[in-house]
Each structure stands twice: as structure tokens, then as C-alpha cells.
């Protein structure tokens, strides 16, 4: 499993739960039972039954569980921080861990919020036929399996891996492949256009964000950094590359060492907490900040931390927003 260090706002969320109901058949029609069979009905009754696809498939999930899951799930609870992944495949879940401020808030409006921690009673009432659990907590997982087929999902793995796995889980392999192909085509076209005038070869970039308590973090994975460091994009500085190699999502640093991590371009993820926002503004008024080469050149860009997240729909949003930011 991918080991990722997280702070509180980036923790992988806990388990979801739900239950399946057994449908009842309709009673036989007595009149039909007394009818005389025709030649056509006799031929149909004696013909070899048509082979149909199995209603379930055996799937081995992120944590190594082998689970029988529906081949075409209809009522999915997706509990994790990359809900845009499931929307990208054309699936609307019945329950999610709702977040506000995303690039797809309108899509989330009609969907039930199963909360954090998970509301078991509410999840049960949604009658899901599949739970996708973005966590590896064994205790939580065990509770979920008593209610509905449940698979764990590594929401911090690379986008291509996530979408491919979701395609298998949801019976949407074709949709996943098509989405990824289009995304890669659009991404390559974006970087090719930016390199004509705006972005030089081998330029570096660094992403910072502030948390309450004047805690400064340099970001190396999940969301905006993964997007910026994709093929054809910016390069990470040596310190950030080390974090990537160690599968470390981010690192808390002192403001005094920010120069050791600052690249040719600096991206700031705007915090949602008011005190952290004030602390960010205070840092950006210091002489140390003003002396950074990227700051002197005006190569500092602000992105909303919720919109510039790690899910598939956030990636498509960033394809549009990054050129706008760089060309201001």
C-alpha cells in the first residue's frame, strides 16, 4: 500500500456502511397456468437457456480482500475525498462524504451526505449495493462487510491507477480508458501551448499551504502538485523530489527554510481556515518572502485548496485554470 503522511484536513476518511434488500417475486397467474401450450412456447421452453453474464465478480481490493461485488452496481456509496473520480465515469453515487467549495458542487447537491464519521443508520437507509471505502482501517472495514459488499480504495494513488481500478469495480472499464485518453490528450496540448511562450524547459515549481498555528507545509503529492509534476509539466526542486521518492505527501517546514524548497514558480493553496489565511498574508509581507526569485519575478499563483484537489474532475478544472493563472 502507498504510505502517505497526512495532516487532519487531508486524512483518508473512515468507512461507509449499507445493506441489501431481497426482492420478492410476483405470484403466478392461475389463468396462465391452465392455458394450453402452443408449438412456439414448447420450443422456447425446451431450448438451451441463453448464457448471461454473472451478476457478481470477484475483486481483490487495495487491502487485499477478495470480495464478490456487483458487476453493474446501481446504488453506490463512495466515502472518500476524491468523489470527482466516480463522477468522471458517469456514475452518480447515492451517498458521499460531502465537501463544499469543489469544482463540482452542483453535482453533489442532490446526493445524501453520509457524514464524517460515517452515519451508519443513514447509510443503511440508502440501500446501497456497493460501498467503496477510501480507507484501510480493518475494524471499520469489518463492520461494513456485515451490511453490504465493501471494497477499499487508495484515494492517494496516481490518477491513472485510481480511474483504472474504479473502472473495474464499477464495470466501467471502457469509460475509464476513454476518460484517461481524453485527459492525457488535453493535458499534453495544454503544456505544449504553455511552452510556446510562457513556460521554459525544466522550470521548477513548488506548492505551499498554511495550516492554523502558523504551520507551513510544502506539498509533494495529491492534488495540485501531482498535476504540476505530470509528464510535460514543471519539475520539482530537489527537496520536493526527495519527498516524492519517499512517497511523502507533504512536509511541515519552518518559514526560515522556505528558500530551500521554493522553485522558479510558487503556487499557494489558499487555506479554508481564517486564521491560516491571515498567517499566509503575514508571511507574504516578510522580507524573506519578498527576496525569493519567484516572488521578485511575479511568479506566484494562488489556487483554492478545495477546487485544486486530487480527483478527476478537479484535474479537468485545473486544465482550464492553470493557463489562466500563468497568463495573467
C-alpha atoms as a PDB file:
ATOM      1  CA  UNK A   1       0.000   0.000   0.000  1.00  0.00           C
ATOM      2  CA  UNK A   2       1.052   3.549  -0.591  1.00  0.00           C
ATOM      3  CA  UNK A   3       2.170   5.155   2.625  1.00  0.00           C
ATOM      4  CA  UNK A   4       1.160   8.794   2.758  1.00  0.00           C
ATOM      5  CA  UNK A   5       1.637  11.207   5.598  1.00  0.00           C
ATOM      6  CA  UNK A   6      -1.407  13.359   6.203  1.00  0.00           C
ATOM      7  CA  UNK A   7      -2.499  16.285   8.326  1.00  0.00           C
ATOM      8  CA  UNK A   8      -6.013  16.463   9.705  1.00  0.00           C
ATOM      9  CA  UNK A   9      -7.683  18.058   6.713  1.00  0.00           C
ATOM     10  CA  UNK A  10      -6.162  15.503   4.354  1.00  0.00           C
ATOM     11  CA  UNK A  11      -6.862  12.321   6.361  1.00  0.00           C
ATOM     12  CA  UNK A  12      -8.353   9.440   4.461  1.00  0.00           C
ATOM     13  CA  UNK A  13     -11.922   9.178   5.668  1.00  0.00           C
ATOM     14  CA  UNK A  14     -13.452   6.291   7.587  1.00  0.00           C
ATOM     15  CA  UNK A  15     -15.780   3.571   6.468  1.00  0.00           C
ATOM     16  CA  UNK A  16     -19.206   3.633   4.945  1.00  0.00           C
ATOM     17  CA  UNK A  17     -21.997   1.183   5.600  1.00  0.00           C
ATOM     18  CA  UNK A  18     -25.179  -0.021   3.910  1.00  0.00           C
ATOM     19  CA  UNK A  19     -27.434  -3.013   3.316  1.00  0.00           C
ATOM     20  CA  UNK A  20     -29.039  -5.011   0.536  1.00  0.00           C
ATOM     21  CA  UNK A  21     -32.743  -5.890   0.490  1.00  0.00           C
ATOM     22  CA  UNK A  22     -34.013  -9.111  -1.067  1.00  0.00           C
ATOM     23  CA  UNK A  23     -36.635  -8.581  -3.752  1.00  0.00           C
ATOM     24  CA  UNK A  24     -39.743 -10.744  -3.756  1.00  0.00           C
ATOM     25  CA  UNK A  25     -41.145 -12.445  -6.827  1.00  0.00           C
ATOM     26  CA  UNK A  26     -44.656 -11.974  -8.172  1.00  0.00           C
ATOM     27  CA  UNK A  27     -47.243 -14.696  -7.572  1.00  0.00           C
ATOM     28  CA  UNK A  28     -48.123 -16.944 -10.525  1.00  0.00           C
ATOM     29  CA  UNK A  29     -51.134 -16.184 -12.687  1.00  0.00           C
ATOM     30  CA  UNK A  30     -53.566 -19.127 -12.308  1.00  0.00           C
ATOM     31  CA  UNK A  31     -55.222 -18.498 -15.663  1.00  0.00           C
ATOM     32  CA  UNK A  32     -51.887 -18.660 -17.419  1.00  0.00           C
ATOM     33  CA  UNK A  33     -51.099 -21.974 -15.766  1.00  0.00           C
ATOM     34  CA  UNK A  34     -54.219 -23.554 -17.282  1.00  0.00           C
ATOM     35  CA  UNK A  35     -53.555 -22.326 -20.820  1.00  0.00           C
ATOM     36  CA  UNK A  36     -52.719 -24.910 -23.498  1.00  0.00           C
ATOM     37  CA  UNK A  37     -49.103 -24.509 -24.650  1.00  0.00           C
ATOM     38  CA  UNK A  38     -48.517 -23.709 -28.316  1.00  0.00           C
ATOM     39  CA  UNK A  39     -45.772 -25.120 -30.524  1.00  0.00           C
ATOM     40  CA  UNK A  40     -43.802 -21.880 -30.111  1.00  0.00           C
ATOM     41  CA  UNK A  41     -43.937 -21.951 -26.304  1.00  0.00           C
ATOM     42  CA  UNK A  42     -42.867 -25.607 -26.215  1.00  0.00           C
ATOM     43  CA  UNK A  43     -39.836 -24.813 -28.409  1.00  0.00           C
ATOM     44  CA  UNK A  44     -38.853 -21.880 -26.163  1.00  0.00           C
ATOM     45  CA  UNK A  45     -39.237 -23.968 -23.023  1.00  0.00           C
ATOM     46  CA  UNK A  46     -37.056 -26.787 -24.314  1.00  0.00           C
ATOM     47  CA  UNK A  47     -34.386 -24.602 -25.913  1.00  0.00           C
ATOM     48  CA  UNK A  48     -30.981 -24.323 -24.240  1.00  0.00           C
ATOM     49  CA  UNK A  49     -31.050 -21.308 -21.912  1.00  0.00           C
ATOM     50  CA  UNK A  50     -29.156 -18.255 -23.113  1.00  0.00           C
ATOM     51  CA  UNK A  51     -25.887 -17.642 -21.298  1.00  0.00           C
ATOM     52  CA  UNK A  52     -25.855 -14.410 -19.328  1.00  0.00           C
ATOM     53  CA  UNK A  53     -23.104 -12.526 -17.571  1.00  0.00           C
ATOM     54  CA  UNK A  54     -22.671 -13.316 -13.892  1.00  0.00           C
ATOM     55  CA  UNK A  55     -24.320 -10.834 -11.533  1.00  0.00           C
ATOM     56  CA  UNK A  56     -21.162 -10.586  -9.449  1.00  0.00           C
ATOM     57  CA  UNK A  57     -17.425 -10.577  -9.915  1.00  0.00           C
ATOM     58  CA  UNK A  58     -14.604 -11.490  -7.566  1.00  0.00           C
ATOM     59  CA  UNK A  59     -12.488  -8.418  -6.918  1.00  0.00           C
ATOM     60  CA  UNK A  60      -9.267  -8.080  -4.906  1.00  0.00           C
ATOM     61  CA  UNK A  61      -9.179  -4.648  -3.328  1.00  0.00           C
ATOM     62  CA  UNK A  62      -6.451  -2.269  -2.166  1.00  0.00           C
ATOM     63  CA  UNK A  63      -6.161  -4.001   1.213  1.00  0.00           C
ATOM     64  CA  UNK A  64      -6.033  -7.498  -0.264  1.00  0.00           C
ATOM     65  CA  UNK A  65      -9.624  -8.538   0.467  1.00  0.00           C
ATOM     66  CA  UNK A  66     -11.291 -10.738  -2.136  1.00  0.00           C
ATOM     67  CA  UNK A  67     -14.889  -9.598  -2.429  1.00  0.00           C
ATOM     68  CA  UNK A  68     -17.843 -10.626  -4.582  1.00  0.00           C
ATOM     69  CA  UNK A  69     -19.227  -7.347  -5.885  1.00  0.00           C
ATOM     70  CA  UNK A  70     -21.973  -6.498  -8.398  1.00  0.00           C
ATOM     71  CA  UNK A  71     -20.779  -6.335 -11.996  1.00  0.00           C
ATOM     72  CA  UNK A  72     -23.059  -3.377 -12.611  1.00  0.00           C
ATOM     73  CA  UNK A  73     -23.732  -1.676  -9.254  1.00  0.00           C
ATOM     74  CA  UNK A  74     -26.685   0.697  -9.211  1.00  0.00           C
ATOM     75  CA  UNK A  75     -26.605   2.190  -5.716  1.00  0.00           C
ATOM     76  CA  UNK A  76     -23.057   3.054  -4.682  1.00  0.00           C
ATOM     77  CA  UNK A  77     -21.843   4.799  -1.564  1.00  0.00           C
ATOM     78  CA  UNK A  78     -18.468   6.422  -2.161  1.00  0.00           C
ATOM     79  CA  UNK A  79     -16.796   7.551   1.045  1.00  0.00           C
ATOM     80  CA  UNK A  80     -13.562   9.392   0.375  1.00  0.00           C
ATOM     81  CA  UNK A  81     -12.023  12.693  -0.624  1.00  0.00           C
ATOM     82  CA  UNK A  82     -11.878  12.106  -4.406  1.00  0.00           C
ATOM     83  CA  UNK A  83     -15.580  11.950  -5.247  1.00  0.00           C
ATOM     84  CA  UNK A  84     -14.864  13.537  -8.611  1.00  0.00           C
ATOM     85  CA  UNK A  85     -13.335  10.216  -9.692  1.00  0.00           C
ATOM     86  CA  UNK A  86     -16.678   8.422  -9.647  1.00  0.00           C
ATOM     87  CA  UNK A  87     -18.453  11.305 -11.396  1.00  0.00           C
ATOM     88  CA  UNK A  88     -15.833  11.172 -14.161  1.00  0.00           C
ATOM     89  CA  UNK A  89     -17.005   7.655 -15.019  1.00  0.00           C
ATOM     90  CA  UNK A  90     -20.622   8.738 -15.365  1.00  0.00           C
ATOM     91  CA  UNK A  91     -21.758   7.200 -12.070  1.00  0.00           C
ATOM     92  CA  UNK A  92     -23.842   9.191  -9.595  1.00  0.00           C
ATOM     93  CA  UNK A  93     -23.468   7.736  -6.087  1.00  0.00           C
ATOM     94  CA  UNK A  94     -26.379   7.612  -3.660  1.00  0.00           C
ATOM     95  CA  UNK A  95     -24.175   8.686  -0.746  1.00  0.00           C
ATOM     96  CA  UNK A  96     -20.868  10.514  -0.315  1.00  0.00           C
ATOM     97  CA  UNK A  97     -18.767  12.349   2.205  1.00  0.00           C
ATOM     98  CA  UNK A  98     -19.822  15.842   1.137  1.00  0.00           C
ATOM     99  CA  UNK A  99     -17.311  18.625   0.756  1.00  0.00           C
ATOM    100  CA  UNK A 100     -18.065  22.211  -0.158  1.00  0.00           C
ATOM    101  CA  UNK A 101     -16.107  24.522  -2.410  1.00  0.00           C
ATOM    102  CA  UNK A 102     -15.288  21.885  -5.023  1.00  0.00           C
ATOM    103  CA  UNK A 103     -15.413  22.493  -8.756  1.00  0.00           C
ATOM    104  CA  UNK A 104     -18.474  20.211  -8.908  1.00  0.00           C
ATOM    105  CA  UNK A 105     -20.648  21.391  -6.011  1.00  0.00           C
ATOM    106  CA  UNK A 106     -23.737  21.338  -8.241  1.00  0.00           C
ATOM    107  CA  UNK A 107     -23.338  17.604  -8.833  1.00  0.00           C
ATOM    108  CA  UNK A 108     -23.164  16.994  -5.087  1.00  0.00           C
ATOM    109  CA  UNK A 109     -26.343  18.864  -4.172  1.00  0.00           C
ATOM    110  CA  UNK A 110     -28.893  16.052  -4.683  1.00  0.00           C
ATOM    111  CA  UNK A 111     -26.694  13.355  -3.112  1.00  0.00           C
ATOM    112  CA  UNK A 112     -27.039  12.252   0.507  1.00  0.00           C
ATOM    113  CA  UNK A 113     -24.218  13.198   2.848  1.00  0.00           C
ATOM    114  CA  UNK A 114     -23.290  10.128   4.914  1.00  0.00           C
ATOM    115  CA  UNK A 115     -21.064  12.251   7.093  1.00  0.00           C
ATOM    116  CA  UNK A 116     -17.772  12.061   8.882  1.00  0.00           C
ATOM    117  CA  UNK A 117     -17.561   9.876  10.851  1.00  0.00           C
ATOM    118  CA  UNK A 118     -19.891   7.721   8.817  1.00  0.00           C
ATOM    119  CA  UNK A 119     -23.555   7.734   9.815  1.00  0.00           C
ATOM    120  CA  UNK A 120     -24.383   4.033   9.780  1.00  0.00           C
ATOM    121  CA  UNK A 121     -28.129   4.473  10.052  1.00  0.00           C
ATOM    122  CA  UNK A 122     -28.254   6.954   7.187  1.00  0.00           C
ATOM    123  CA  UNK A 123     -26.065   4.736   5.042  1.00  0.00           C
ATOM    124  CA  UNK A 124     -28.281   1.748   5.757  1.00  0.00           C
ATOM    125  CA  UNK A 125     -31.332   3.721   4.654  1.00  0.00           C
ATOM    126  CA  UNK A 126     -29.760   4.386   1.254  1.00  0.00           C
ATOM    127  CA  UNK A 127     -29.878   0.643   0.443  1.00  0.00           C
ATOM    128  CA  UNK A 128     -26.603   0.558  -1.498  1.00  0.00           C
ATOM    129  CA  UNK A 129     -25.462  -2.490  -3.387  1.00  0.00           C
ATOM    130  CA  UNK A 130     -21.783  -1.495  -3.102  1.00  0.00           C
ATOM    131  CA  UNK A 131     -19.631   0.543  -0.710  1.00  0.00           C
ATOM    132  CA  UNK A 132     -16.335   1.999  -1.850  1.00  0.00           C
ATOM    133  CA  UNK A 133     -14.313   2.750   1.274  1.00  0.00           C
ATOM    134  CA  UNK A 134     -11.332   5.051   0.931  1.00  0.00           C
ATOM    135  CA  UNK A 135      -9.525   3.666   3.950  1.00  0.00           C
ATOM    136  CA  UNK A 136      -7.651   0.598   5.121  1.00  0.00           C
ATOM    137  CA  UNK A 137      -8.961   0.591   8.703  1.00  0.00           C
ATOM    138  CA  UNK A 138      -9.581  -3.106   9.417  1.00  0.00           C
ATOM    139  CA  UNK A 139     -12.137  -2.549  12.190  1.00  0.00           C
ATOM    140  CA  UNK A 140     -14.254  -0.196  10.125  1.00  0.00           C
ATOM    141  CA  UNK A 141     -13.995  -2.449   7.111  1.00  0.00           C
ATOM    142  CA  UNK A 142     -15.229  -5.446   9.100  1.00  0.00           C
ATOM    143  CA  UNK A 143     -18.343  -3.553  10.191  1.00  0.00           C
ATOM    144  CA  UNK A 144     -19.129  -2.602   6.626  1.00  0.00           C
ATOM    145  CA  UNK A 145     -18.839  -6.109   5.256  1.00  0.00           C
ATOM    146  CA  UNK A 146     -21.679  -7.234   7.521  1.00  0.00           C
ATOM    147  CA  UNK A 147     -24.000  -4.846   5.701  1.00  0.00           C
ATOM    148  CA  UNK A 148     -23.023  -4.760   2.021  1.00  0.00           C
ATOM    149  CA  UNK A 149     -20.192  -5.707  -0.361  1.00  0.00           C
ATOM    150  CA  UNK A 150     -17.363  -3.335   0.503  1.00  0.00           C
ATOM    151  CA  UNK A 151     -14.038  -2.653  -1.189  1.00  0.00           C
ATOM    152  CA  UNK A 152     -11.213  -0.411  -0.074  1.00  0.00           C
ATOM    153  CA  UNK A 153      -9.836   2.185  -2.469  1.00  0.00           C
ATOM    154  CA  UNK A 154      -6.497   4.028  -2.341  1.00  0.00           C
ATOM    155  CA  UNK A 155      -7.500   7.615  -2.964  1.00  0.00           C
ATOM    156  CA  UNK A 156      -3.885   8.794  -2.800  1.00  0.00           C
ATOM    157  CA  UNK A 157      -2.615   6.637  -5.655  1.00  0.00           C
ATOM    158  CA  UNK A 158      -1.932   8.258  -9.054  1.00  0.00           C
ATOM    159  CA  UNK A 159      -4.979   9.339 -11.052  1.00  0.00           C
ATOM    160  CA  UNK A 160      -4.435   6.745 -13.790  1.00  0.00           C
ATOM    161  CA  UNK A 161      -4.312   3.913 -11.244  1.00  0.00           C
ATOM    162  CA  UNK A 162      -7.401   5.164  -9.426  1.00  0.00           C
ATOM    163  CA  UNK A 163      -9.562   5.553 -12.512  1.00  0.00           C
ATOM    164  CA  UNK A 164      -8.469   2.185 -13.859  1.00  0.00           C
ATOM    165  CA  UNK A 165      -9.380   0.453 -10.588  1.00  0.00           C
ATOM    166  CA  UNK A 166     -12.696   2.264 -10.354  1.00  0.00           C
ATOM    167  CA  UNK A 167     -13.471   1.152 -13.886  1.00  0.00           C
ATOM    168  CA  UNK A 168     -13.035  -2.465 -12.788  1.00  0.00           C
ATOM    169  CA  UNK A 169     -15.030  -2.005  -9.583  1.00  0.00           C
ATOM    170  CA  UNK A 170     -17.943  -0.270 -11.285  1.00  0.00           C
ATOM    171  CA  UNK A 171     -17.984  -2.188 -14.562  1.00  0.00           C
ATOM    172  CA  UNK A 172     -16.848   0.984 -16.349  1.00  0.00           C
ATOM    173  CA  UNK A 173     -13.521  -0.083 -17.865  1.00  0.00           C
ATOM    174  CA  UNK A 174     -14.363   1.419 -21.258  1.00  0.00           C
ATOM    175  CA  UNK A 175     -15.421   4.723 -19.709  1.00  0.00           C
ATOM    176  CA  UNK A 176     -12.270   4.872 -17.569  1.00  0.00           C
ATOM    177  CA  UNK A 177      -9.986   4.255 -20.550  1.00  0.00           C
ATOM    178  CA  UNK A 178     -11.814   6.868 -22.628  1.00  0.00           C
ATOM    179  CA  UNK A 179     -11.664   9.473 -19.853  1.00  0.00           C
ATOM    180  CA  UNK A 180      -7.953   8.944 -19.291  1.00  0.00           C
ATOM    181  CA  UNK A 181      -7.184   9.097 -23.007  1.00  0.00           C
ATOM    182  CA  UNK A 182      -9.020  12.400 -23.373  1.00  0.00           C
ATOM    183  CA  UNK A 183      -7.446  13.818 -20.235  1.00  0.00           C
ATOM    184  CA  UNK A 184      -3.928  12.935 -21.373  1.00  0.00           C
ATOM    185  CA  UNK A 185      -4.591  14.410 -24.813  1.00  0.00           C
ATOM    186  CA  UNK A 186      -5.923  17.646 -23.322  1.00  0.00           C
ATOM    187  CA  UNK A 187      -3.108  17.807 -20.769  1.00  0.00           C
ATOM    188  CA  UNK A 188      -0.397  17.347 -23.402  1.00  0.00           C
ATOM    189  CA  UNK A 189      -1.992  20.002 -25.579  1.00  0.00           C
ATOM    190  CA  UNK A 190      -2.131  22.430 -22.634  1.00  0.00           C
ATOM    191  CA  UNK A 191       1.556  22.013 -21.779  1.00  0.00           C
ATOM    192  CA  UNK A 192       2.589  22.235 -25.442  1.00  0.00           C
ATOM    193  CA  UNK A 193       0.733  25.540 -25.736  1.00  0.00           C
ATOM    194  CA  UNK A 194       2.209  26.896 -22.498  1.00  0.00           C
ATOM    195  CA  UNK A 195       5.732  26.005 -23.607  1.00  0.00           C
ATOM    196  CA  UNK A 196       5.432  28.101 -26.747  1.00  0.00           C
ATOM    197  CA  UNK A 197       5.858  31.297 -24.735  1.00  0.00           C
ATOM    198  CA  UNK A 198       5.061  31.043 -21.026  1.00  0.00           C
ATOM    199  CA  UNK A 199       6.897  28.046 -19.542  1.00  0.00           C
ATOM    200  CA  UNK A 200      10.569  27.281 -20.141  1.00  0.00           C
ATOM    201  CA  UNK A 201      12.044  23.785 -20.311  1.00  0.00           C
ATOM    202  CA  UNK A 202      12.989  22.339 -16.901  1.00  0.00           C
ATOM    203  CA  UNK A 203      11.375  25.150 -14.911  1.00  0.00           C
ATOM    204  CA  UNK A 204      10.681  24.137 -11.324  1.00  0.00           C
ATOM    205  CA  UNK A 205       7.582  24.773  -9.268  1.00  0.00           C
ATOM    206  CA  UNK A 206       6.687  24.378  -5.603  1.00  0.00           C
ATOM    207  CA  UNK A 207       3.340  24.250  -3.822  1.00  0.00           C
ATOM    208  CA  UNK A 208       2.942  25.624  -0.286  1.00  0.00           C
ATOM    209  CA  UNK A 209      -0.006  25.907   2.054  1.00  0.00           C
ATOM    210  CA  UNK A 210      -0.530  27.166   5.606  1.00  0.00           C
ATOM    211  CA  UNK A 211      -2.415  25.472   8.407  1.00  0.00           C
ATOM    212  CA  UNK A 212      -3.633  27.116  11.634  1.00  0.00           C
ATOM    213  CA  UNK A 213      -0.891  27.804  14.135  1.00  0.00           C
ATOM    214  CA  UNK A 214       1.440  29.276  11.521  1.00  0.00           C
ATOM    215  CA  UNK A 215       2.255  25.781  10.255  1.00  0.00           C
ATOM    216  CA  UNK A 216       3.727  25.959   6.770  1.00  0.00           C
ATOM    217  CA  UNK A 217       3.707  22.872   4.549  1.00  0.00           C
ATOM    218  CA  UNK A 218       5.431  22.092   1.276  1.00  0.00           C
ATOM    219  CA  UNK A 219       3.230  19.813  -0.803  1.00  0.00           C
ATOM    220  CA  UNK A 220       4.560  16.891  -2.822  1.00  0.00           C
ATOM    221  CA  UNK A 221       1.589  14.703  -3.690  1.00  0.00           C
ATOM    222  CA  UNK A 222      -2.199  14.638  -4.067  1.00  0.00           C
ATOM    223  CA  UNK A 223      -3.907  17.389  -5.975  1.00  0.00           C
ATOM    224  CA  UNK A 224      -2.112  20.381  -7.420  1.00  0.00           C
ATOM    225  CA  UNK A 225       1.484  19.058  -7.034  1.00  0.00           C
ATOM    226  CA  UNK A 226       0.666  15.813  -8.847  1.00  0.00           C
ATOM    227  CA  UNK A 227      -0.919  17.838 -11.632  1.00  0.00           C
ATOM    228  CA  UNK A 228       2.014  20.258 -11.952  1.00  0.00           C
ATOM    229  CA  UNK A 229       4.605  17.458 -11.960  1.00  0.00           C
ATOM    230  CA  UNK A 230       2.883  15.279 -14.552  1.00  0.00           C
ATOM    231  CA  UNK A 231       4.564  14.480 -17.849  1.00  0.00           C
ATOM    232  CA  UNK A 232       5.359  17.660 -19.753  1.00  0.00           C
ATOM    233  CA  UNK A 233       4.868  19.869 -16.683  1.00  0.00           C
ATOM    234  CA  UNK A 234       7.066  21.619 -14.147  1.00  0.00           C
ATOM    235  CA  UNK A 235       9.920  19.878 -12.349  1.00  0.00           C
ATOM    236  CA  UNK A 236      10.057  19.553  -8.558  1.00  0.00           C
ATOM    237  CA  UNK A 237      13.051  21.016  -6.730  1.00  0.00           C
ATOM    238  CA  UNK A 238      15.440  18.501  -5.131  1.00  0.00           C
ATOM    239  CA  UNK A 239      13.818  18.707  -1.690  1.00  0.00           C
ATOM    240  CA  UNK A 240      10.365  18.026  -3.101  1.00  0.00           C
ATOM    241  CA  UNK A 241      11.641  15.253  -5.360  1.00  0.00           C
ATOM    242  CA  UNK A 242      13.003  13.553  -2.244  1.00  0.00           C
ATOM    243  CA  UNK A 243       9.541  13.659  -0.668  1.00  0.00           C
ATOM    244  CA  UNK A 244       8.027  12.189  -3.822  1.00  0.00           C
ATOM    245  CA  UNK A 245      10.606   9.401  -3.885  1.00  0.00           C
ATOM    246  CA  UNK A 246       9.780   8.601  -0.257  1.00  0.00           C
ATOM    247  CA  UNK A 247       6.023   8.621  -1.005  1.00  0.00           C
ATOM    248  CA  UNK A 248       5.570  11.506   1.430  1.00  0.00           C
ATOM    249  CA  UNK A 249       2.581  13.649   0.564  1.00  0.00           C
ATOM    250  CA  UNK A 250       3.783  16.808   2.306  1.00  0.00           C
ATOM    251  CA  UNK A 251       6.200  18.097   4.894  1.00  0.00           C
ATOM    252  CA  UNK A 252       5.928  20.765   7.546  1.00  0.00           C
ATOM    253  CA  UNK A 253       8.773  23.267   7.282  1.00  0.00           C
ATOM    254  CA  UNK A 254       9.751  26.475   9.035  1.00  0.00           C
ATOM    255  CA  UNK A 255       9.254  29.762   7.225  1.00  0.00           C
ATOM    256  CA  UNK A 256      13.017  30.323   7.591  1.00  0.00           C
ATOM    257  CA  UNK A 257      13.720  27.347   5.296  1.00  0.00           C
ATOM    258  CA  UNK A 258      11.187  28.227   2.599  1.00  0.00           C
ATOM    259  CA  UNK A 259      14.025  29.287   0.299  1.00  0.00           C
ATOM    260  CA  UNK A 260      15.355  25.720   0.320  1.00  0.00           C
ATOM    261  CA  UNK A 261      12.133  24.499  -1.282  1.00  0.00           C
ATOM    262  CA  UNK A 262      10.978  27.428  -3.411  1.00  0.00           C
ATOM    263  CA  UNK A 263      11.070  26.745  -7.145  1.00  0.00           C
ATOM    264  CA  UNK A 264      11.047  29.024 -10.188  1.00  0.00           C
ATOM    265  CA  UNK A 265       7.269  29.218  -9.741  1.00  0.00           C
ATOM    266  CA  UNK A 266       5.423  29.247  -6.428  1.00  0.00           C
ATOM    267  CA  UNK A 267       1.856  28.070  -6.005  1.00  0.00           C
ATOM    268  CA  UNK A 268      -0.078  28.843  -2.845  1.00  0.00           C
ATOM    269  CA  UNK A 269      -3.071  26.720  -1.881  1.00  0.00           C
ATOM    270  CA  UNK A 270      -5.396  29.171  -0.155  1.00  0.00           C
ATOM    271  CA  UNK A 271      -6.391  27.732   3.246  1.00  0.00           C
ATOM    272  CA  UNK A 272     -10.027  27.483   4.270  1.00  0.00           C
ATOM    273  CA  UNK A 273      -9.314  28.483   7.878  1.00  0.00           C
ATOM    274  CA  UNK A 274      -9.476  32.244   8.504  1.00  0.00           C
ATOM    275  CA  UNK A 275      -6.511  32.269  10.906  1.00  0.00           C
ATOM    276  CA  UNK A 276      -4.366  30.303   8.452  1.00  0.00           C
ATOM    277  CA  UNK A 277      -5.311  32.771   5.740  1.00  0.00           C
ATOM    278  CA  UNK A 278      -4.160  35.665   7.932  1.00  0.00           C
ATOM    279  CA  UNK A 279      -0.906  33.845   8.685  1.00  0.00           C
ATOM    280  CA  UNK A 280      -0.348  33.303   4.961  1.00  0.00           C
ATOM    281  CA  UNK A 281      -0.788  37.000   4.300  1.00  0.00           C
ATOM    282  CA  UNK A 282       1.607  37.851   7.121  1.00  0.00           C
ATOM    283  CA  UNK A 283       4.262  35.514   5.709  1.00  0.00           C
ATOM    284  CA  UNK A 284       3.914  37.099   2.288  1.00  0.00           C
ATOM    285  CA  UNK A 285       4.734  40.513   3.789  1.00  0.00           C
ATOM    286  CA  UNK A 286       8.104  39.417   5.186  1.00  0.00           C
ATOM    287  CA  UNK A 287      11.429  40.394   3.636  1.00  0.00           C
ATOM    288  CA  UNK A 288      12.364  36.709   3.386  1.00  0.00           C
ATOM    289  CA  UNK A 289       9.355  36.033   1.189  1.00  0.00           C
ATOM    290  CA  UNK A 290       9.932  39.141  -0.916  1.00  0.00           C
ATOM    291  CA  UNK A 291      13.512  38.083  -1.613  1.00  0.00           C
ATOM    292  CA  UNK A 292      12.538  34.772  -3.233  1.00  0.00           C
ATOM    293  CA  UNK A 293      13.320  34.844  -7.008  1.00  0.00           C
ATOM    294  CA  UNK A 294       9.818  33.637  -7.925  1.00  0.00           C
ATOM    295  CA  UNK A 295       8.286  36.441  -5.880  1.00  0.00           C
ATOM    296  CA  UNK A 296      10.577  39.064  -7.388  1.00  0.00           C
ATOM    297  CA  UNK A 297       9.529  37.952 -10.888  1.00  0.00           C
ATOM    298  CA  UNK A 298       5.836  37.861 -10.036  1.00  0.00           C
ATOM    299  CA  UNK A 299       5.661  34.095 -10.469  1.00  0.00           C
ATOM    300  CA  UNK A 300       3.331  33.426  -7.532  1.00  0.00           C
ATOM    301  CA  UNK A 301      -0.113  31.929  -8.087  1.00  0.00           C
ATOM    302  CA  UNK A 302      -2.986  31.285  -5.712  1.00  0.00           C
ATOM    303  CA  UNK A 303      -5.358  28.340  -6.032  1.00  0.00           C
ATOM    304  CA  UNK A 304      -8.361  27.361  -3.958  1.00  0.00           C
ATOM    305  CA  UNK A 305      -7.344  24.319  -1.883  1.00  0.00           C
ATOM    306  CA  UNK A 306     -10.755  22.658  -2.319  1.00  0.00           C
ATOM    307  CA  UNK A 307     -11.005  23.149  -6.063  1.00  0.00           C
ATOM    308  CA  UNK A 308      -7.381  22.198  -6.764  1.00  0.00           C
ATOM    309  CA  UNK A 309      -7.758  18.798  -5.126  1.00  0.00           C
ATOM    310  CA  UNK A 310      -6.715  15.371  -6.340  1.00  0.00           C
ATOM    311  CA  UNK A 311      -9.827  13.983  -8.010  1.00  0.00           C
ATOM    312  CA  UNK A 312     -10.518  13.563 -11.709  1.00  0.00           C
ATOM    313  CA  UNK A 313     -12.941  16.476 -12.080  1.00  0.00           C
ATOM    314  CA  UNK A 314     -10.516  18.752 -10.244  1.00  0.00           C
ATOM    315  CA  UNK A 315      -7.890  17.809 -12.838  1.00  0.00           C
ATOM    316  CA  UNK A 316     -10.113  18.902 -15.695  1.00  0.00           C
ATOM    317  CA  UNK A 317     -10.809  22.147 -13.819  1.00  0.00           C
ATOM    318  CA  UNK A 318      -7.055  22.747 -13.430  1.00  0.00           C
ATOM    319  CA  UNK A 319      -6.516  22.187 -17.152  1.00  0.00           C
ATOM    320  CA  UNK A 320      -8.574  25.327 -17.679  1.00  0.00           C
ATOM    321  CA  UNK A 321      -7.386  27.334 -14.692  1.00  0.00           C
ATOM    322  CA  UNK A 322      -3.605  26.875 -14.892  1.00  0.00           C
ATOM    323  CA  UNK A 323      -3.213  28.632 -18.268  1.00  0.00           C
ATOM    324  CA  UNK A 324      -5.396  31.477 -16.985  1.00  0.00           C
ATOM    325  CA  UNK A 325      -3.216  31.888 -13.919  1.00  0.00           C
ATOM    326  CA  UNK A 326       0.089  31.766 -15.787  1.00  0.00           C
ATOM    327  CA  UNK A 327      -1.059  34.189 -18.466  1.00  0.00           C
ATOM    328  CA  UNK A 328      -2.263  36.912 -16.101  1.00  0.00           C
END
